[in-house]
């Protein structure tokens, strides 16, 4: 995970904790407070789901690029082997 991703995760976590503390200390009725907490948790779950999808997409792109590089190297090696074989014959 990149440093920026770690920092963003820490900031998001701290913000979530701060919001939860604010909800708990706010003078609200129990039902309203529970609804607010549930809404905040739902929002954070949506954010985490989006981040997970983005990380999955970026990981797949990285793996696909790595596969292409490996295949290119294998093709170049096969070509070099064929040329060396021809030169030796």
C-alpha atoms as a PDB file:
ATOM      1  CA  UNK A   1       0.000   0.000   0.000  1.00  0.00           C
ATOM      2  CA  UNK A   2       1.393   3.411  -0.898  1.00  0.00           C
ATOM      3  CA  UNK A   3       2.142   5.990   1.789  1.00  0.00           C
ATOM      4  CA  UNK A   4      -0.686   8.250   0.544  1.00  0.00           C
ATOM      5  CA  UNK A   5      -3.158   5.356   0.842  1.00  0.00           C
ATOM      6  CA  UNK A   6      -2.025   4.670   4.431  1.00  0.00           C
ATOM      7  CA  UNK A   7      -2.334   8.329   5.332  1.00  0.00           C
ATOM      8  CA  UNK A   8      -5.803   8.535   3.805  1.00  0.00           C
ATOM      9  CA  UNK A   9      -6.869   5.420   5.692  1.00  0.00           C
ATOM     10  CA  UNK A  10      -5.572   6.804   8.994  1.00  0.00           C
ATOM     11  CA  UNK A  11      -7.280  10.146   8.416  1.00  0.00           C
ATOM     12  CA  UNK A  12     -10.555   8.435   7.481  1.00  0.00           C
ATOM     13  CA  UNK A  13     -10.359   6.220  10.580  1.00  0.00           C
ATOM     14  CA  UNK A  14      -9.622   9.185  12.855  1.00  0.00           C
ATOM     15  CA  UNK A  15     -12.485  11.127  11.284  1.00  0.00           C
ATOM     16  CA  UNK A  16     -14.815   8.194  11.859  1.00  0.00           C
ATOM     17  CA  UNK A  17     -13.742   7.869  15.489  1.00  0.00           C
ATOM     18  CA  UNK A  18     -14.182  11.608  15.973  1.00  0.00           C
ATOM     19  CA  UNK A  19     -17.641  11.476  14.444  1.00  0.00           C
ATOM     20  CA  UNK A  20     -18.623   8.556  16.679  1.00  0.00           C
ATOM     21  CA  UNK A  21     -17.438  10.432  19.790  1.00  0.00           C
ATOM     22  CA  UNK A  22     -19.345  13.535  18.679  1.00  0.00           C
ATOM     23  CA  UNK A  23     -22.494  11.460  18.202  1.00  0.00           C
ATOM     24  CA  UNK A  24     -22.129   9.924  21.646  1.00  0.00           C
ATOM     25  CA  UNK A  25     -21.593  13.271  23.346  1.00  0.00           C
ATOM     26  CA  UNK A  26     -24.342  15.131  21.477  1.00  0.00           C
ATOM     27  CA  UNK A  27     -27.590  15.689  23.388  1.00  0.00           C
ATOM     28  CA  UNK A  28     -29.948  13.629  21.200  1.00  0.00           C
ATOM     29  CA  UNK A  29     -32.705  11.150  21.730  1.00  0.00           C
ATOM     30  CA  UNK A  30     -31.658   7.474  21.705  1.00  0.00           C
ATOM     31  CA  UNK A  31     -33.462   6.636  18.460  1.00  0.00           C
ATOM     32  CA  UNK A  32     -32.040   9.664  16.673  1.00  0.00           C
ATOM     33  CA  UNK A  33     -28.537   8.921  17.964  1.00  0.00           C
ATOM     34  CA  UNK A  34     -28.752   5.279  16.847  1.00  0.00           C
ATOM     35  CA  UNK A  35     -29.968   6.384  13.409  1.00  0.00           C
ATOM     36  CA  UNK A  36     -27.068   8.844  13.123  1.00  0.00           C
ATOM     37  CA  UNK A  37     -24.538   6.199  14.152  1.00  0.00           C
ATOM     38  CA  UNK A  38     -26.026   3.661  11.743  1.00  0.00           C
ATOM     39  CA  UNK A  39     -25.889   6.241   8.948  1.00  0.00           C
ATOM     40  CA  UNK A  40     -22.256   7.071   9.677  1.00  0.00           C
ATOM     41  CA  UNK A  41     -21.322   3.394   9.763  1.00  0.00           C
ATOM     42  CA  UNK A  42     -23.181   2.801   6.498  1.00  0.00           C
ATOM     43  CA  UNK A  43     -21.371   5.718   4.865  1.00  0.00           C
ATOM     44  CA  UNK A  44     -17.981   4.416   6.033  1.00  0.00           C
ATOM     45  CA  UNK A  45     -18.843   0.919   4.806  1.00  0.00           C
ATOM     46  CA  UNK A  46     -19.665   2.383   1.390  1.00  0.00           C
ATOM     47  CA  UNK A  47     -16.340   4.236   1.349  1.00  0.00           C
ATOM     48  CA  UNK A  48     -14.441   1.079   2.270  1.00  0.00           C
ATOM     49  CA  UNK A  49     -16.299  -0.878  -0.413  1.00  0.00           C
ATOM     50  CA  UNK A  50     -15.361   1.740  -3.022  1.00  0.00           C
ATOM     51  CA  UNK A  51     -11.724   1.722  -1.882  1.00  0.00           C
ATOM     52  CA  UNK A  52     -11.682  -2.056  -2.045  1.00  0.00           C
ATOM     53  CA  UNK A  53     -13.040  -2.041  -5.604  1.00  0.00           C
ATOM     54  CA  UNK A  54     -10.434   0.554  -6.615  1.00  0.00           C
ATOM     55  CA  UNK A  55      -7.613  -1.443  -5.039  1.00  0.00           C
ATOM     56  CA  UNK A  56      -8.846  -4.601  -6.752  1.00  0.00           C
ATOM     57  CA  UNK A  57      -8.962  -2.839 -10.132  1.00  0.00           C
ATOM     58  CA  UNK A  58      -5.476  -1.366  -9.669  1.00  0.00           C
ATOM     59  CA  UNK A  59      -4.096  -4.730  -8.566  1.00  0.00           C
ATOM     60  CA  UNK A  60      -5.556  -6.429 -11.642  1.00  0.00           C
ATOM     61  CA  UNK A  61      -4.022  -3.767 -13.895  1.00  0.00           C
ATOM     62  CA  UNK A  62      -0.640  -4.285 -12.200  1.00  0.00           C
ATOM     63  CA  UNK A  63      -0.814  -8.069 -12.636  1.00  0.00           C
ATOM     64  CA  UNK A  64      -1.889  -7.727 -16.279  1.00  0.00           C
ATOM     65  CA  UNK A  65       1.026  -5.368 -16.974  1.00  0.00           C
ATOM     66  CA  UNK A  66       3.461  -7.727 -15.240  1.00  0.00           C
ATOM     67  CA  UNK A  67       2.151 -10.651 -17.315  1.00  0.00           C
ATOM     68  CA  UNK A  68       2.686  -8.649 -20.497  1.00  0.00           C
ATOM     69  CA  UNK A  69       6.274  -7.838 -19.500  1.00  0.00           C
ATOM     70  CA  UNK A  70       6.997 -11.473 -18.688  1.00  0.00           C
ATOM     71  CA  UNK A  71       5.489 -12.629 -21.979  1.00  0.00           C
ATOM     72  CA  UNK A  72       7.547 -10.036 -23.892  1.00  0.00           C
ATOM     73  CA  UNK A  73      10.712 -11.257 -22.148  1.00  0.00           C
ATOM     74  CA  UNK A  74       9.864 -14.875 -22.972  1.00  0.00           C
ATOM     75  CA  UNK A  75       9.226 -13.984 -26.614  1.00  0.00           C
ATOM     76  CA  UNK A  76      12.517 -12.094 -26.838  1.00  0.00           C
ATOM     77  CA  UNK A  77      14.340 -15.021 -25.242  1.00  0.00           C
ATOM     78  CA  UNK A  78      12.782 -17.466 -27.700  1.00  0.00           C
ATOM     79  CA  UNK A  79      13.740 -15.209 -30.628  1.00  0.00           C
ATOM     80  CA  UNK A  80      17.304 -14.891 -29.345  1.00  0.00           C
ATOM     81  CA  UNK A  81      17.525 -18.672 -28.946  1.00  0.00           C
ATOM     82  CA  UNK A  82      16.287 -19.228 -32.513  1.00  0.00           C
ATOM     83  CA  UNK A  83      18.797 -16.716 -33.877  1.00  0.00           C
ATOM     84  CA  UNK A  84      21.657 -18.297 -31.905  1.00  0.00           C
ATOM     85  CA  UNK A  85      20.616 -21.732 -33.119  1.00  0.00           C
ATOM     86  CA  UNK A  86      20.554 -20.526 -36.735  1.00  0.00           C
ATOM     87  CA  UNK A  87      23.969 -18.912 -36.367  1.00  0.00           C
ATOM     88  CA  UNK A  88      25.401 -22.113 -34.926  1.00  0.00           C
ATOM     89  CA  UNK A  89      24.040 -24.324 -37.666  1.00  0.00           C
END
